[in-house]
Amino acid sequence: MAELKATSPKSKNKRRSGQYAKSWTKKKRGKMIIIHNKEYQLTHLLEKGHAKRGGGRVEAKVHILPVELNLKESAERIFKSKLK
């Protein structure tokens, strides 16, 4: 989760600066850990990009996918080491 907070985009607006990055939380449900952002409306828009009101597009800021891939690789390594 610390990696997500570090790689999340920061707003240039002084009032909201870093608020999106600080909003990452995790919940534990049984054996599962669910990581989500309290400002869930922004995650898709930032990760995939979106259309502007007056035309054109806002470039995507991919920050979730690299962390997800890293977590999958580390979980796979841990799982394989426990099987041996």
N, C-alpha and C. Protein backbone atom coordinates (compact mmCIF):
# COMPACT_ATOMS: atom_id res chain seq x y z
N MET A 1 0.82 -1.18 0.00
CA MET A 1 0.00 0.00 0.00
C MET A 1 0.88 1.26 0.00
N ALA A 2 2.02 1.19 0.62
CA ALA A 2 2.93 2.33 0.64
C ALA A 2 3.40 2.66 -0.77
N GLU A 3 3.59 1.64 -1.58
CA GLU A 3 4.01 1.85 -2.97
C GLU A 3 2.92 2.56 -3.76
N LEU A 4 1.66 2.21 -3.52
CA LEU A 4 0.54 2.88 -4.19
C LEU A 4 0.48 4.35 -3.79
N LYS A 5 0.65 4.62 -2.52
CA LYS A 5 0.63 6.01 -2.05
C LYS A 5 1.77 6.80 -2.67
N ALA A 6 2.92 6.17 -2.82
CA ALA A 6 4.09 6.87 -3.36
C ALA A 6 3.95 7.14 -4.86
N THR A 7 3.33 6.20 -5.60
CA THR A 7 3.25 6.35 -7.06
C THR A 7 1.99 7.07 -7.52
N SER A 8 1.04 7.33 -6.63
CA SER A 8 -0.20 8.00 -7.01
C SER A 8 0.08 9.46 -7.38
N PRO A 9 -0.63 9.96 -8.41
CA PRO A 9 -0.43 11.35 -8.82
C PRO A 9 -0.88 12.32 -7.73
N LYS A 10 -0.17 13.44 -7.64
CA LYS A 10 -0.50 14.48 -6.67
C LYS A 10 -1.10 15.67 -7.42
N SER A 11 -2.13 16.27 -6.86
CA SER A 11 -2.78 17.42 -7.47
C SER A 11 -1.91 18.65 -7.35
N LYS A 12 -1.99 19.53 -8.34
CA LYS A 12 -1.26 20.79 -8.29
C LYS A 12 -2.02 21.84 -7.48
N ASN A 13 -3.29 21.57 -7.21
CA ASN A 13 -4.12 22.45 -6.40
C ASN A 13 -3.66 22.34 -4.94
N LYS A 14 -3.33 23.45 -4.31
CA LYS A 14 -2.78 23.43 -2.95
C LYS A 14 -3.77 22.85 -1.93
N ARG A 15 -5.06 23.08 -2.11
CA ARG A 15 -6.05 22.57 -1.16
C ARG A 15 -6.17 21.05 -1.20
N ARG A 16 -5.97 20.44 -2.36
CA ARG A 16 -6.17 19.01 -2.51
C ARG A 16 -4.86 18.24 -2.69
N SER A 17 -3.75 18.90 -2.59
CA SER A 17 -2.46 18.30 -2.86
C SER A 17 -2.21 17.04 -2.03
N GLY A 18 -2.07 15.91 -2.72
CA GLY A 18 -1.77 14.64 -2.06
C GLY A 18 -2.96 13.94 -1.44
N GLN A 19 -4.15 14.51 -1.53
CA GLN A 19 -5.32 13.90 -0.90
C GLN A 19 -5.67 12.56 -1.54
N TYR A 20 -5.57 12.46 -2.85
CA TYR A 20 -5.86 11.19 -3.53
C TYR A 20 -4.88 10.11 -3.09
N ALA A 21 -3.61 10.45 -3.01
CA ALA A 21 -2.59 9.49 -2.61
C ALA A 21 -2.78 9.03 -1.17
N LYS A 22 -3.22 9.92 -0.31
CA LYS A 22 -3.44 9.58 1.10
C LYS A 22 -4.70 8.74 1.31
N SER A 23 -5.58 8.67 0.33
CA SER A 23 -6.88 8.00 0.48
C SER A 23 -6.84 6.49 0.29
N TRP A 24 -5.67 5.91 0.01
CA TRP A 24 -5.58 4.46 -0.15
C TRP A 24 -5.72 3.78 1.21
N THR A 25 -6.64 2.80 1.29
CA THR A 25 -6.86 2.07 2.54
C THR A 25 -6.94 0.58 2.25
N LYS A 26 -6.89 -0.21 3.31
CA LYS A 26 -7.07 -1.65 3.12
C LYS A 26 -8.00 -2.19 4.19
N LYS A 27 -8.75 -3.23 3.80
CA LYS A 27 -9.67 -3.92 4.69
C LYS A 27 -9.32 -5.40 4.65
N LYS A 28 -9.50 -6.05 5.76
CA LYS A 28 -9.26 -7.49 5.80
C LYS A 28 -10.60 -8.19 5.95
N ARG A 29 -10.89 -9.08 5.02
CA ARG A 29 -12.12 -9.88 5.06
C ARG A 29 -11.71 -11.34 5.01
N GLY A 30 -11.71 -11.97 6.17
CA GLY A 30 -11.25 -13.36 6.24
C GLY A 30 -9.78 -13.42 5.91
N LYS A 31 -9.43 -14.19 4.89
CA LYS A 31 -8.04 -14.30 4.46
C LYS A 31 -7.68 -13.30 3.37
N MET A 32 -8.68 -12.58 2.87
CA MET A 32 -8.45 -11.62 1.79
C MET A 32 -8.14 -10.23 2.34
N ILE A 33 -7.29 -9.51 1.64
CA ILE A 33 -7.02 -8.11 1.94
C ILE A 33 -7.48 -7.31 0.74
N ILE A 34 -8.37 -6.36 0.97
CA ILE A 34 -8.92 -5.54 -0.11
C ILE A 34 -8.31 -4.15 0.00
N ILE A 35 -7.64 -3.71 -1.04
CA ILE A 35 -7.04 -2.38 -1.09
C ILE A 35 -7.89 -1.53 -2.03
N HIS A 36 -8.31 -0.35 -1.54
CA HIS A 36 -9.13 0.53 -2.37
C HIS A 36 -8.85 1.97 -2.01
N ASN A 37 -9.35 2.87 -2.84
CA ASN A 37 -9.18 4.30 -2.61
C ASN A 37 -10.53 4.88 -2.23
N LYS A 38 -10.54 5.71 -1.21
CA LYS A 38 -11.79 6.35 -0.77
C LYS A 38 -12.34 7.27 -1.85
N GLU A 39 -11.48 7.81 -2.70
CA GLU A 39 -11.91 8.64 -3.82
C GLU A 39 -11.96 7.77 -5.07
N TYR A 40 -12.83 6.77 -5.02
CA TYR A 40 -12.90 5.74 -6.07
C TYR A 40 -13.27 6.30 -7.43
N GLN A 41 -13.93 7.44 -7.47
CA GLN A 41 -14.33 8.01 -8.77
C GLN A 41 -13.11 8.41 -9.60
N LEU A 42 -12.02 8.75 -8.94
CA LEU A 42 -10.83 9.22 -9.65
C LEU A 42 -9.95 8.09 -10.16
N THR A 43 -10.00 6.91 -9.55
CA THR A 43 -9.04 5.86 -9.90
C THR A 43 -9.12 5.49 -11.38
N HIS A 44 -10.31 5.28 -11.90
CA HIS A 44 -10.45 4.90 -13.30
C HIS A 44 -10.05 6.05 -14.22
N LEU A 45 -10.47 7.27 -13.87
CA LEU A 45 -10.16 8.43 -14.71
C LEU A 45 -8.65 8.66 -14.80
N LEU A 46 -7.96 8.52 -13.69
CA LEU A 46 -6.52 8.74 -13.70
C LEU A 46 -5.77 7.59 -14.37
N GLU A 47 -6.19 6.37 -14.11
CA GLU A 47 -5.49 5.19 -14.65
C GLU A 47 -5.68 5.05 -16.15
N LYS A 48 -6.87 5.36 -16.67
CA LYS A 48 -7.19 5.14 -18.09
C LYS A 48 -7.21 6.41 -18.93
N GLY A 49 -7.24 7.59 -18.30
CA GLY A 49 -7.40 8.83 -19.05
C GLY A 49 -8.88 9.08 -19.32
N HIS A 50 -9.21 10.29 -19.76
CA HIS A 50 -10.62 10.59 -20.01
C HIS A 50 -10.75 11.77 -20.96
N ALA A 51 -11.97 11.97 -21.49
CA ALA A 51 -12.24 13.06 -22.42
C ALA A 51 -12.42 14.36 -21.64
N LYS A 52 -11.98 15.46 -22.23
CA LYS A 52 -12.18 16.78 -21.62
C LYS A 52 -13.55 17.33 -22.02
N ARG A 53 -14.04 18.23 -21.24
CA ARG A 53 -15.34 18.81 -21.51
C ARG A 53 -15.36 19.55 -22.85
N GLY A 54 -14.32 20.31 -23.17
CA GLY A 54 -14.29 21.11 -24.39
C GLY A 54 -13.67 20.38 -25.58
N GLY A 55 -13.44 19.08 -25.46
CA GLY A 55 -12.81 18.31 -26.52
C GLY A 55 -11.37 17.97 -26.16
N GLY A 56 -10.87 16.94 -26.76
CA GLY A 56 -9.52 16.48 -26.45
C GLY A 56 -9.55 15.42 -25.34
N ARG A 57 -8.37 14.99 -24.93
CA ARG A 57 -8.28 13.95 -23.91
C ARG A 57 -7.24 14.32 -22.86
N VAL A 58 -7.44 13.79 -21.68
CA VAL A 58 -6.46 13.89 -20.61
C VAL A 58 -5.65 12.61 -20.63
N GLU A 59 -4.33 12.73 -20.61
CA GLU A 59 -3.45 11.57 -20.68
C GLU A 59 -3.58 10.71 -19.43
N ALA A 60 -3.52 9.40 -19.62
CA ALA A 60 -3.59 8.47 -18.49
C ALA A 60 -2.34 8.55 -17.65
N LYS A 61 -2.49 8.41 -16.34
CA LYS A 61 -1.37 8.35 -15.40
C LYS A 61 -1.41 6.97 -14.75
N VAL A 62 -0.78 6.02 -15.42
CA VAL A 62 -0.82 4.63 -14.96
C VAL A 62 -0.01 4.51 -13.68
N HIS A 63 -0.70 4.20 -12.58
CA HIS A 63 -0.03 4.07 -11.29
C HIS A 63 -0.49 2.84 -10.51
N ILE A 64 -1.62 2.27 -10.86
CA ILE A 64 -2.14 1.10 -10.16
C ILE A 64 -1.61 -0.19 -10.77
N LEU A 65 -1.58 -0.28 -12.08
CA LEU A 65 -1.17 -1.50 -12.78
C LEU A 65 0.24 -1.98 -12.41
N PRO A 66 1.25 -1.10 -12.38
CA PRO A 66 2.59 -1.58 -12.00
C PRO A 66 2.64 -2.16 -10.59
N VAL A 67 1.92 -1.55 -9.66
CA VAL A 67 1.90 -2.04 -8.28
C VAL A 67 1.19 -3.39 -8.22
N GLU A 68 0.08 -3.51 -8.97
CA GLU A 68 -0.66 -4.77 -9.02
C GLU A 68 0.21 -5.90 -9.56
N LEU A 69 0.92 -5.65 -10.64
CA LEU A 69 1.79 -6.67 -11.23
C LEU A 69 2.91 -7.06 -10.26
N ASN A 70 3.46 -6.07 -9.57
CA ASN A 70 4.51 -6.33 -8.59
C ASN A 70 3.98 -7.22 -7.45
N LEU A 71 2.78 -6.92 -6.97
CA LEU A 71 2.17 -7.72 -5.90
C LEU A 71 1.90 -9.15 -6.35
N LYS A 72 1.45 -9.31 -7.59
CA LYS A 72 1.19 -10.65 -8.11
C LYS A 72 2.47 -11.47 -8.17
N GLU A 73 3.55 -10.85 -8.64
CA GLU A 73 4.83 -11.55 -8.73
C GLU A 73 5.35 -11.95 -7.36
N SER A 74 5.26 -11.04 -6.40
CA SER A 74 5.77 -11.35 -5.06
C SER A 74 4.90 -12.41 -4.38
N ALA A 75 3.59 -12.38 -4.59
CA ALA A 75 2.71 -13.40 -4.02
C ALA A 75 3.02 -14.77 -4.62
N GLU A 76 3.31 -14.79 -5.92
CA GLU A 76 3.65 -16.04 -6.59
C GLU A 76 4.96 -16.60 -6.04
N ARG A 77 5.95 -15.73 -5.85
CA ARG A 77 7.24 -16.17 -5.27
C ARG A 77 7.04 -16.74 -3.87
N ILE A 78 6.27 -16.08 -3.05
CA ILE A 78 6.02 -16.53 -1.67
C ILE A 78 5.31 -17.88 -1.69
N PHE A 79 4.30 -18.01 -2.56
CA PHE A 79 3.53 -19.24 -2.65
C PHE A 79 4.43 -20.41 -3.08
N LYS A 80 5.28 -20.17 -4.08
CA LYS A 80 6.19 -21.23 -4.56
C LYS A 80 7.19 -21.62 -3.49
N SER A 81 7.70 -20.64 -2.74
CA SER A 81 8.68 -20.97 -1.68
C SER A 81 8.04 -21.79 -0.55
N LYS A 82 6.76 -21.53 -0.27
CA LYS A 82 6.07 -22.30 0.78
C LYS A 82 5.74 -23.71 0.32
N LEU A 83 5.61 -23.93 -0.98
CA LEU A 83 5.33 -25.26 -1.50
C LEU A 83 6.56 -26.18 -1.44
N LYS A 84 7.74 -25.59 -1.49
CA LYS A 84 8.98 -26.38 -1.49
C LYS A 84 9.33 -26.91 -0.15
